[in-house]
Each structure stands twice: as structure tokens, then as C-alpha cells.
Amino acid sequence: MTKGVDIYRLQCLDSEKDTKQRRLSEVEAALGESDALRQAGQALEHTQALIKKWALRQRDLELETQGLSDKISRSEQRLYSGAVKNPKELADMQAEVAALRRRRQKLEDDLLKTMIEREEAEATHAQAQEHLDETQAHWSAQQADLAAEREILQEKLAEIEQARAALMPGIEASDLAVYQALRRRKGGLAVVQMHNGACGACGVAVSPNLEWRLRQEELVYCGNCERIIVRI
């Protein structure tokens, strides 16, 4: 005959197993790269792309500005060399040099803006790197804690399985089937203790007949919620 204390212990073990298993699932889901770490890495990559963009733009502007300066220098040298005598040709050359200077001034303005953009991108990159380093350090510490907790949970679940295995021979197959069916129907709580003469789950009073049967260590069921009631 199944003893009430055995099936109650089974209920306690199964409830603890459910709790530990849920936590283990949470821990395993939390192991691995976190959203915060992934976002910090993406932010750093974005700043790296900006630095590259502005560095390339700066190089192109510097080359173009240098090319214009060389062209202006050659034009001015020819303009003031006295080799050109034709007034119209001289006027055209002066106009061209003026246009080149205006173009160079525009390039120099663009170059200055680009250099500022690059400096700002580099500052943002430094901040993003610092944030990533902090996030990485926090994540690494958290991962170590989670890995340690996972090991403890796995060990505890193994202990619970051993304790369940030791209890099973004392529980009749028919009682076990009822218990398992009740656990499915009653949200995992199939067995409760009697408390102040009443069912520990729904609070309905236990009849004298049922209380007598409890003293005989029989399995009895609450007439209201149908759970197994035990007296420990």
C-alpha cells in the first residue's frame, strides 16, 4: 500500500524538480552573447565605418586640393612670366586662376568640415569601445556566474532523480498514475497536507471519516478539489 508520506515526498521532489528545471532553462537561455553585447559591438562597427568614410573623404579632398594648388602655381608662373603678351589671353588666364582659387577655397572648407567629422567619429568610436569593454566585462562575469549556477542546478536535478528513484518502489502503479494525472490537471500540485483539519489547497474541511483513514496511512482525496490529502 502506498504511504501518504511517500507520495507527499514525491510531490515535494517533483515540485522542486519543476522549479530547478525552469531556472535551468532560463540560465541556458541566458548563456551566450547577450543583446546588450551584440548592440555594443554593432555600435562600435558603425563608428569604425564612419571613421573609414571620413578618412577616405579627407584623403580625396587633400589630393584634389593639392592638385588644384599645383595647377594654380603653374598658371600663376606662366601668367607672371611675361611669356603671354596677348591681352585677351592674359585676361582669360587671370579669370581661370581666380576660378581655381575659388574652387580651392571651397575644397579647403569641405576639407575642414570633413576633418571635424572625422574627429567626432573618432571620439564616438573611443566612447563606443569603452562601452563595449565595460559590457564585455559585465557579460563575462555574468556568464561565469551562470555557468556555475548551471552546474549546481544540474547536480541538484541529478540528486532529485536519485531520490525519486528510491521512492518509486514504495508507490503502487495505480496510485502513481492517479498522482501524475492530478499533477497535470491541478497545475503541478497533486498532493497537499491537511492543515487545521482542512485541505491545504482549497480549505474545505476534512470529514471525520477521511481523517480516520488518514491516521491509518491510507491515501484519501479531497471531496472538493480532488487532490490527495496527507497527514505528515
C-alpha atoms as a PDB file:
ATOM      1  CA  MET A   1       0.000   0.000   0.000  1.00  0.00           C
ATOM      2  CA  THR A   2       1.271   3.432  -0.869  1.00  0.00           C
ATOM      3  CA  LYS A   3       2.088   5.508   2.188  1.00  0.00           C
ATOM      4  CA  GLY A   4       0.954   9.097   2.223  1.00  0.00           C
ATOM      5  CA  VAL A   5       4.380  10.275   3.328  1.00  0.00           C
ATOM      6  CA  ASP A   6       5.988   8.665   0.261  1.00  0.00           C
ATOM      7  CA  ILE A   7       3.694  10.247  -2.265  1.00  0.00           C
ATOM      8  CA  TYR A   8       3.971  13.592  -0.460  1.00  0.00           C
ATOM      9  CA  ARG A   9       7.758  13.360  -0.662  1.00  0.00           C
ATOM     10  CA  LEU A  10       7.384  12.560  -4.345  1.00  0.00           C
ATOM     11  CA  GLN A  11       5.272  15.687  -4.761  1.00  0.00           C
ATOM     12  CA  CYS A  12       7.920  17.769  -2.971  1.00  0.00           C
ATOM     13  CA  LEU A  13      10.671  16.338  -5.165  1.00  0.00           C
ATOM     14  CA  ASP A  14       8.671  16.891  -8.355  1.00  0.00           C
ATOM     15  CA  SER A  15       7.823  20.469  -7.370  1.00  0.00           C
ATOM     16  CA  GLU A  16      11.477  21.163  -6.633  1.00  0.00           C
ATOM     17  CA  LYS A  17      12.423  19.494  -9.911  1.00  0.00           C
ATOM     18  CA  ASP A  18       9.993  21.720 -11.819  1.00  0.00           C
ATOM     19  CA  THR A  19      11.416  24.840 -10.174  1.00  0.00           C
ATOM     20  CA  LYS A  20      15.020  23.836 -10.802  1.00  0.00           C
ATOM     21  CA  GLN A  21      14.266  22.807 -14.384  1.00  0.00           C
ATOM     22  CA  ARG A  22      12.596  26.135 -15.133  1.00  0.00           C
ATOM     23  CA  ARG A  23      15.569  28.001 -13.710  1.00  0.00           C
ATOM     24  CA  LEU A  24      17.969  25.785 -15.660  1.00  0.00           C
ATOM     25  CA  SER A  25      16.118  26.647 -18.864  1.00  0.00           C
ATOM     26  CA  GLU A  26      16.415  30.355 -18.022  1.00  0.00           C
ATOM     27  CA  VAL A  27      20.127  30.012 -17.287  1.00  0.00           C
ATOM     28  CA  GLU A  28      20.825  28.125 -20.502  1.00  0.00           C
ATOM     29  CA  ALA A  29      18.866  30.717 -22.481  1.00  0.00           C
ATOM     30  CA  ALA A  30      20.944  33.489 -20.880  1.00  0.00           C
ATOM     31  CA  LEU A  31      24.242  31.791 -21.695  1.00  0.00           C
ATOM     32  CA  GLY A  32      25.822  33.078 -24.895  1.00  0.00           C
ATOM     33  CA  GLU A  33      26.014  36.532 -26.462  1.00  0.00           C
ATOM     34  CA  SER A  34      23.552  38.984 -24.943  1.00  0.00           C
ATOM     35  CA  ASP A  35      21.535  41.644 -26.764  1.00  0.00           C
ATOM     36  CA  ALA A  36      23.492  44.351 -24.916  1.00  0.00           C
ATOM     37  CA  LEU A  37      26.824  42.893 -26.017  1.00  0.00           C
ATOM     38  CA  ARG A  38      25.636  42.471 -29.593  1.00  0.00           C
ATOM     39  CA  GLN A  39      24.344  46.046 -29.717  1.00  0.00           C
ATOM     40  CA  ALA A  40      27.595  47.405 -28.241  1.00  0.00           C
ATOM     41  CA  GLY A  41      29.561  45.528 -30.907  1.00  0.00           C
ATOM     42  CA  GLN A  42      27.318  46.847 -33.665  1.00  0.00           C
ATOM     43  CA  ALA A  43      27.701  50.403 -32.360  1.00  0.00           C
ATOM     44  CA  LEU A  44      31.484  50.045 -32.470  1.00  0.00           C
ATOM     45  CA  GLU A  45      31.359  48.700 -36.026  1.00  0.00           C
ATOM     46  CA  HIS A  46      29.183  51.665 -37.031  1.00  0.00           C
ATOM     47  CA  THR A  47      31.733  54.165 -35.680  1.00  0.00           C
ATOM     48  CA  GLN A  48      34.546  52.293 -37.432  1.00  0.00           C
ATOM     49  CA  ALA A  49      32.662  52.598 -40.715  1.00  0.00           C
ATOM     50  CA  LEU A  50      32.184  56.339 -40.133  1.00  0.00           C
ATOM     51  CA  ILE A  51      35.897  56.835 -39.441  1.00  0.00           C
ATOM     52  CA  LYS A  52      36.765  54.994 -42.635  1.00  0.00           C
ATOM     53  CA  LYS A  53      34.230  57.029 -44.606  1.00  0.00           C
ATOM     54  CA  TRP A  54      35.571  60.392 -43.393  1.00  0.00           C
ATOM     55  CA  ALA A  55      39.220  59.291 -43.707  1.00  0.00           C
ATOM     56  CA  LEU A  56      38.667  58.382 -47.357  1.00  0.00           C
ATOM     57  CA  ARG A  57      36.822  61.644 -47.947  1.00  0.00           C
ATOM     58  CA  GLN A  58      39.648  63.593 -46.311  1.00  0.00           C
ATOM     59  CA  ARG A  59      42.270  61.857 -48.450  1.00  0.00           C
ATOM     60  CA  ASP A  60      40.332  62.570 -51.637  1.00  0.00           C
ATOM     61  CA  LEU A  61      39.884  66.242 -50.752  1.00  0.00           C
ATOM     62  CA  GLU A  62      43.550  66.614 -49.815  1.00  0.00           C
ATOM     63  CA  LEU A  63      44.619  65.106 -53.138  1.00  0.00           C
ATOM     64  CA  GLU A  64      42.190  67.268 -55.081  1.00  0.00           C
ATOM     65  CA  THR A  65      43.247  70.391 -53.165  1.00  0.00           C
ATOM     66  CA  GLN A  66      46.921  69.629 -53.776  1.00  0.00           C
ATOM     67  CA  GLY A  67      46.227  69.067 -57.476  1.00  0.00           C
ATOM     68  CA  LEU A  68      44.464  72.444 -57.706  1.00  0.00           C
ATOM     69  CA  SER A  69      47.292  74.185 -55.828  1.00  0.00           C
ATOM     70  CA  ASP A  70      49.804  72.747 -58.289  1.00  0.00           C
ATOM     71  CA  LYS A  71      47.666  73.855 -61.225  1.00  0.00           C
ATOM     72  CA  ILE A  72      47.290  77.375 -59.754  1.00  0.00           C
ATOM     73  CA  SER A  73      51.021  77.552 -59.181  1.00  0.00           C
ATOM     74  CA  ARG A  74      51.753  76.621 -62.797  1.00  0.00           C
ATOM     75  CA  SER A  75      49.158  79.039 -64.133  1.00  0.00           C
ATOM     76  CA  GLU A  76      50.446  81.897 -61.999  1.00  0.00           C
ATOM     77  CA  GLN A  77      54.005  81.159 -63.022  1.00  0.00           C
ATOM     78  CA  ARG A  78      53.052  81.392 -66.689  1.00  0.00           C
ATOM     79  CA  LEU A  79      50.831  84.413 -66.042  1.00  0.00           C
ATOM     80  CA  TYR A  80      53.616  86.422 -64.427  1.00  0.00           C
ATOM     81  CA  SER A  81      56.475  85.108 -66.538  1.00  0.00           C
ATOM     82  CA  GLY A  82      55.862  87.664 -69.265  1.00  0.00           C
ATOM     83  CA  ALA A  83      55.634  84.934 -71.870  1.00  0.00           C
ATOM     84  CA  VAL A  84      51.985  85.737 -72.599  1.00  0.00           C
ATOM     85  CA  LYS A  85      51.597  89.067 -74.414  1.00  0.00           C
ATOM     86  CA  ASN A  86      48.053  88.869 -75.775  1.00  0.00           C
ATOM     87  CA  PRO A  87      45.715  90.933 -73.519  1.00  0.00           C
ATOM     88  CA  LYS A  88      42.737  88.613 -74.073  1.00  0.00           C
ATOM     89  CA  GLU A  89      44.809  85.558 -73.287  1.00  0.00           C
ATOM     90  CA  LEU A  90      46.099  87.256 -70.139  1.00  0.00           C
ATOM     91  CA  ALA A  91      42.551  88.125 -69.062  1.00  0.00           C
ATOM     92  CA  ASP A  92      41.426  84.561 -69.674  1.00  0.00           C
ATOM     93  CA  MET A  93      44.330  83.211 -67.623  1.00  0.00           C
ATOM     94  CA  GLN A  94      43.567  85.605 -64.752  1.00  0.00           C
ATOM     95  CA  ALA A  95      39.908  84.546 -64.811  1.00  0.00           C
ATOM     96  CA  GLU A  96      40.940  80.870 -64.795  1.00  0.00           C
ATOM     97  CA  VAL A  97      43.309  81.405 -61.837  1.00  0.00           C
ATOM     98  CA  ALA A  98      40.557  83.211 -59.918  1.00  0.00           C
ATOM     99  CA  ALA A  99      38.134  80.353 -60.618  1.00  0.00           C
ATOM    100  CA  LEU A 100      40.740  77.800 -59.492  1.00  0.00           C
ATOM    101  CA  ARG A 101      41.305  79.737 -56.283  1.00  0.00           C
ATOM    102  CA  ARG A 102      37.582  79.839 -55.581  1.00  0.00           C
ATOM    103  CA  ARG A 103      37.391  76.112 -56.219  1.00  0.00           C
ATOM    104  CA  ARG A 104      40.346  75.518 -53.911  1.00  0.00           C
ATOM    105  CA  GLN A 105      38.746  77.625 -51.168  1.00  0.00           C
ATOM    106  CA  LYS A 106      35.586  75.528 -51.449  1.00  0.00           C
ATOM    107  CA  LEU A 107      37.645  72.337 -51.221  1.00  0.00           C
ATOM    108  CA  GLU A 108      39.528  73.673 -48.197  1.00  0.00           C
ATOM    109  CA  ASP A 109      36.216  74.475 -46.474  1.00  0.00           C
ATOM    110  CA  ASP A 110      34.937  70.974 -47.266  1.00  0.00           C
ATOM    111  CA  LEU A 111      38.226  69.522 -46.041  1.00  0.00           C
ATOM    112  CA  LEU A 112      37.933  71.352 -42.722  1.00  0.00           C
ATOM    113  CA  LYS A 113      34.362  70.081 -42.238  1.00  0.00           C
ATOM    114  CA  THR A 114      35.481  66.566 -43.108  1.00  0.00           C
ATOM    115  CA  MET A 115      38.340  66.712 -40.610  1.00  0.00           C
ATOM    116  CA  ILE A 116      35.890  67.813 -37.903  1.00  0.00           C
ATOM    117  CA  GLU A 117      33.516  64.975 -38.831  1.00  0.00           C
ATOM    118  CA  ARG A 118      36.415  62.520 -38.634  1.00  0.00           C
ATOM    119  CA  GLU A 119      37.498  63.811 -35.212  1.00  0.00           C
ATOM    120  CA  GLU A 120      33.937  63.495 -33.924  1.00  0.00           C
ATOM    121  CA  ALA A 121      33.687  59.973 -35.346  1.00  0.00           C
ATOM    122  CA  GLU A 122      36.968  59.035 -33.644  1.00  0.00           C
ATOM    123  CA  ALA A 123      35.693  60.433 -30.326  1.00  0.00           C
ATOM    124  CA  THR A 124      32.450  58.489 -30.709  1.00  0.00           C
ATOM    125  CA  HIS A 125      34.477  55.409 -31.575  1.00  0.00           C
ATOM    126  CA  ALA A 126      36.517  55.770 -28.376  1.00  0.00           C
ATOM    127  CA  GLN A 127      33.298  56.013 -26.351  1.00  0.00           C
ATOM    128  CA  ALA A 128      31.831  53.002 -28.166  1.00  0.00           C
ATOM    129  CA  GLN A 129      34.986  50.999 -27.480  1.00  0.00           C
ATOM    130  CA  GLU A 130      34.857  51.908 -23.795  1.00  0.00           C
ATOM    131  CA  HIS A 131      31.191  50.917 -23.631  1.00  0.00           C
ATOM    132  CA  LEU A 132      31.924  47.626 -25.387  1.00  0.00           C
ATOM    133  CA  ASP A 133      34.775  46.877 -22.983  1.00  0.00           C
ATOM    134  CA  GLU A 134      32.523  47.546 -19.974  1.00  0.00           C
ATOM    135  CA  THR A 135      29.705  45.479 -21.459  1.00  0.00           C
ATOM    136  CA  GLN A 136      32.130  42.660 -22.269  1.00  0.00           C
ATOM    137  CA  ALA A 137      33.494  42.652 -18.713  1.00  0.00           C
ATOM    138  CA  HIS A 138      29.991  42.579 -17.216  1.00  0.00           C
ATOM    139  CA  TRP A 139      28.897  39.880 -19.650  1.00  0.00           C
ATOM    140  CA  SER A 140      31.954  37.725 -18.904  1.00  0.00           C
ATOM    141  CA  ALA A 141      31.335  37.940 -15.161  1.00  0.00           C
ATOM    142  CA  GLN A 142      27.668  37.146 -15.670  1.00  0.00           C
ATOM    143  CA  GLN A 143      28.488  34.196 -17.900  1.00  0.00           C
ATOM    144  CA  ALA A 144      30.820  32.776 -15.257  1.00  0.00           C
ATOM    145  CA  ASP A 145      28.077  33.086 -12.627  1.00  0.00           C
ATOM    146  CA  LEU A 146      25.521  31.478 -14.943  1.00  0.00           C
ATOM    147  CA  ALA A 147      27.843  28.604 -15.816  1.00  0.00           C
ATOM    148  CA  ALA A 148      28.457  27.951 -12.111  1.00  0.00           C
ATOM    149  CA  GLU A 149      24.716  28.091 -11.399  1.00  0.00           C
ATOM    150  CA  ARG A 150      24.005  25.716 -14.273  1.00  0.00           C
ATOM    151  CA  GLU A 151      26.438  23.180 -12.812  1.00  0.00           C
ATOM    152  CA  ILE A 152      24.803  23.435  -9.387  1.00  0.00           C
ATOM    153  CA  LEU A 153      21.314  23.052 -10.890  1.00  0.00           C
ATOM    154  CA  GLN A 154      22.368  20.025 -12.917  1.00  0.00           C
ATOM    155  CA  GLU A 155      23.855  18.409  -9.818  1.00  0.00           C
ATOM    156  CA  LYS A 156      20.701  19.134  -7.818  1.00  0.00           C
ATOM    157  CA  LEU A 157      18.480  17.704 -10.549  1.00  0.00           C
ATOM    158  CA  ALA A 158      20.590  14.541 -10.555  1.00  0.00           C
ATOM    159  CA  GLU A 159      20.142  14.279  -6.777  1.00  0.00           C
ATOM    160  CA  ILE A 160      16.383  14.732  -7.158  1.00  0.00           C
ATOM    161  CA  GLU A 161      16.264  11.948  -9.743  1.00  0.00           C
ATOM    162  CA  GLN A 162      18.144   9.635  -7.368  1.00  0.00           C
ATOM    163  CA  ALA A 163      15.749  10.475  -4.529  1.00  0.00           C
ATOM    164  CA  ARG A 164      12.735   9.860  -6.792  1.00  0.00           C
ATOM    165  CA  ALA A 165      14.147   6.534  -7.877  1.00  0.00           C
ATOM    166  CA  ALA A 166      14.483   5.498  -4.227  1.00  0.00           C
ATOM    167  CA  LEU A 167      10.843   6.431  -3.541  1.00  0.00           C
ATOM    168  CA  MET A 168       9.244   4.783  -6.559  1.00  0.00           C
ATOM    169  CA  PRO A 169       9.302   1.162  -5.310  1.00  0.00           C
ATOM    170  CA  GLY A 170       7.066   2.164  -2.382  1.00  0.00           C
ATOM    171  CA  ILE A 171       4.376   3.722  -4.592  1.00  0.00           C
ATOM    172  CA  GLU A 172       1.826   1.477  -6.269  1.00  0.00           C
ATOM    173  CA  ALA A 173       1.487   1.870 -10.017  1.00  0.00           C
ATOM    174  CA  SER A 174      -2.218   2.770  -9.809  1.00  0.00           C
ATOM    175  CA  ASP A 175      -1.553   5.462  -7.197  1.00  0.00           C
ATOM    176  CA  LEU A 176       1.318   6.816  -9.281  1.00  0.00           C
ATOM    177  CA  ALA A 177      -0.946   7.051 -12.330  1.00  0.00           C
ATOM    178  CA  VAL A 178      -3.549   8.980 -10.344  1.00  0.00           C
ATOM    179  CA  TYR A 179      -0.879  11.254  -8.911  1.00  0.00           C
ATOM    180  CA  GLN A 180       0.555  12.026 -12.347  1.00  0.00           C
ATOM    181  CA  ALA A 181      -2.909  12.707 -13.782  1.00  0.00           C
ATOM    182  CA  LEU A 182      -3.706  15.060 -10.902  1.00  0.00           C
ATOM    183  CA  ARG A 183      -0.433  16.928 -11.373  1.00  0.00           C
ATOM    184  CA  ARG A 184      -1.333  17.561 -14.996  1.00  0.00           C
ATOM    185  CA  ARG A 185      -4.848  18.729 -14.094  1.00  0.00           C
ATOM    186  CA  LYS A 186      -4.014  20.691 -10.953  1.00  0.00           C
ATOM    187  CA  GLY A 187      -1.130  22.826 -12.145  1.00  0.00           C
ATOM    188  CA  GLY A 188       1.546  20.548 -10.733  1.00  0.00           C
ATOM    189  CA  LEU A 189       0.074  20.321  -7.209  1.00  0.00           C
ATOM    190  CA  ALA A 190      -1.454  16.891  -6.712  1.00  0.00           C
ATOM    191  CA  VAL A 191      -0.694  16.250  -3.016  1.00  0.00           C
ATOM    192  CA  VAL A 192      -1.259  18.603  -0.079  1.00  0.00           C
ATOM    193  CA  GLN A 193      -1.051  18.360   3.678  1.00  0.00           C
ATOM    194  CA  MET A 194      -4.092  18.624   5.910  1.00  0.00           C
ATOM    195  CA  HIS A 195      -3.978  21.983   7.686  1.00  0.00           C
ATOM    196  CA  ASN A 196      -6.124  22.663  10.780  1.00  0.00           C
ATOM    197  CA  GLY A 197      -8.472  19.884   9.802  1.00  0.00           C
ATOM    198  CA  ALA A 198      -8.904  21.138   6.245  1.00  0.00           C
ATOM    199  CA  CYS A 199      -7.469  20.553   2.785  1.00  0.00           C
ATOM    200  CA  GLY A 200      -4.268  22.514   2.421  1.00  0.00           C
ATOM    201  CA  ALA A 201      -5.166  23.507  -1.141  1.00  0.00           C
ATOM    202  CA  CYS A 202      -8.839  24.521  -1.185  1.00  0.00           C
ATOM    203  CA  GLY A 203      -9.505  24.874   2.563  1.00  0.00           C
ATOM    204  CA  VAL A 204     -12.547  22.577   2.673  1.00  0.00           C
ATOM    205  CA  ALA A 205     -12.834  20.702   5.999  1.00  0.00           C
ATOM    206  CA  VAL A 206     -11.745  17.064   6.075  1.00  0.00           C
ATOM    207  CA  SER A 207     -14.539  14.782   7.263  1.00  0.00           C
ATOM    208  CA  PRO A 208     -14.006  12.627  10.381  1.00  0.00           C
ATOM    209  CA  ASN A 209     -14.102   9.518   8.193  1.00  0.00           C
ATOM    210  CA  LEU A 210     -11.346  10.810   5.927  1.00  0.00           C
ATOM    211  CA  GLU A 211      -9.318  11.947   8.924  1.00  0.00           C
ATOM    212  CA  TRP A 212      -9.595   8.459  10.417  1.00  0.00           C
ATOM    213  CA  ARG A 213      -8.409   6.949   7.153  1.00  0.00           C
ATOM    214  CA  LEU A 214      -5.501   9.379   7.139  1.00  0.00           C
ATOM    215  CA  ARG A 215      -4.485   8.064  10.542  1.00  0.00           C
ATOM    216  CA  GLN A 216      -4.447   4.603   9.004  1.00  0.00           C
ATOM    217  CA  GLU A 217      -1.981   5.967   6.429  1.00  0.00           C
ATOM    218  CA  GLU A 218      -4.414   5.421   3.559  1.00  0.00           C
ATOM    219  CA  LEU A 219      -4.471   7.672   0.542  1.00  0.00           C
ATOM    220  CA  VAL A 220      -7.515   9.910   0.671  1.00  0.00           C
ATOM    221  CA  TYR A 221      -8.787  12.544  -1.727  1.00  0.00           C
ATOM    222  CA  CYS A 222     -10.354  15.917  -1.055  1.00  0.00           C
ATOM    223  CA  GLY A 223     -14.053  15.799  -1.862  1.00  0.00           C
ATOM    224  CA  ASN A 224     -13.852  19.312  -3.257  1.00  0.00           C
ATOM    225  CA  CYS A 225     -10.625  19.781  -5.245  1.00  0.00           C
ATOM    226  CA  GLU A 226      -9.881  16.029  -5.604  1.00  0.00           C
ATOM    227  CA  ARG A 227      -6.242  16.378  -4.575  1.00  0.00           C
ATOM    228  CA  ILE A 228      -4.555  13.763  -2.453  1.00  0.00           C
ATOM    229  CA  ILE A 229      -4.523  14.808   1.195  1.00  0.00           C
ATOM    230  CA  VAL A 230      -1.815  13.559   3.530  1.00  0.00           C
ATOM    231  CA  ARG A 231      -1.126  13.954   7.213  1.00  0.00           C
ATOM    232  CA  ILE A 232       2.585  14.408   7.940  1.00  0.00           C
END
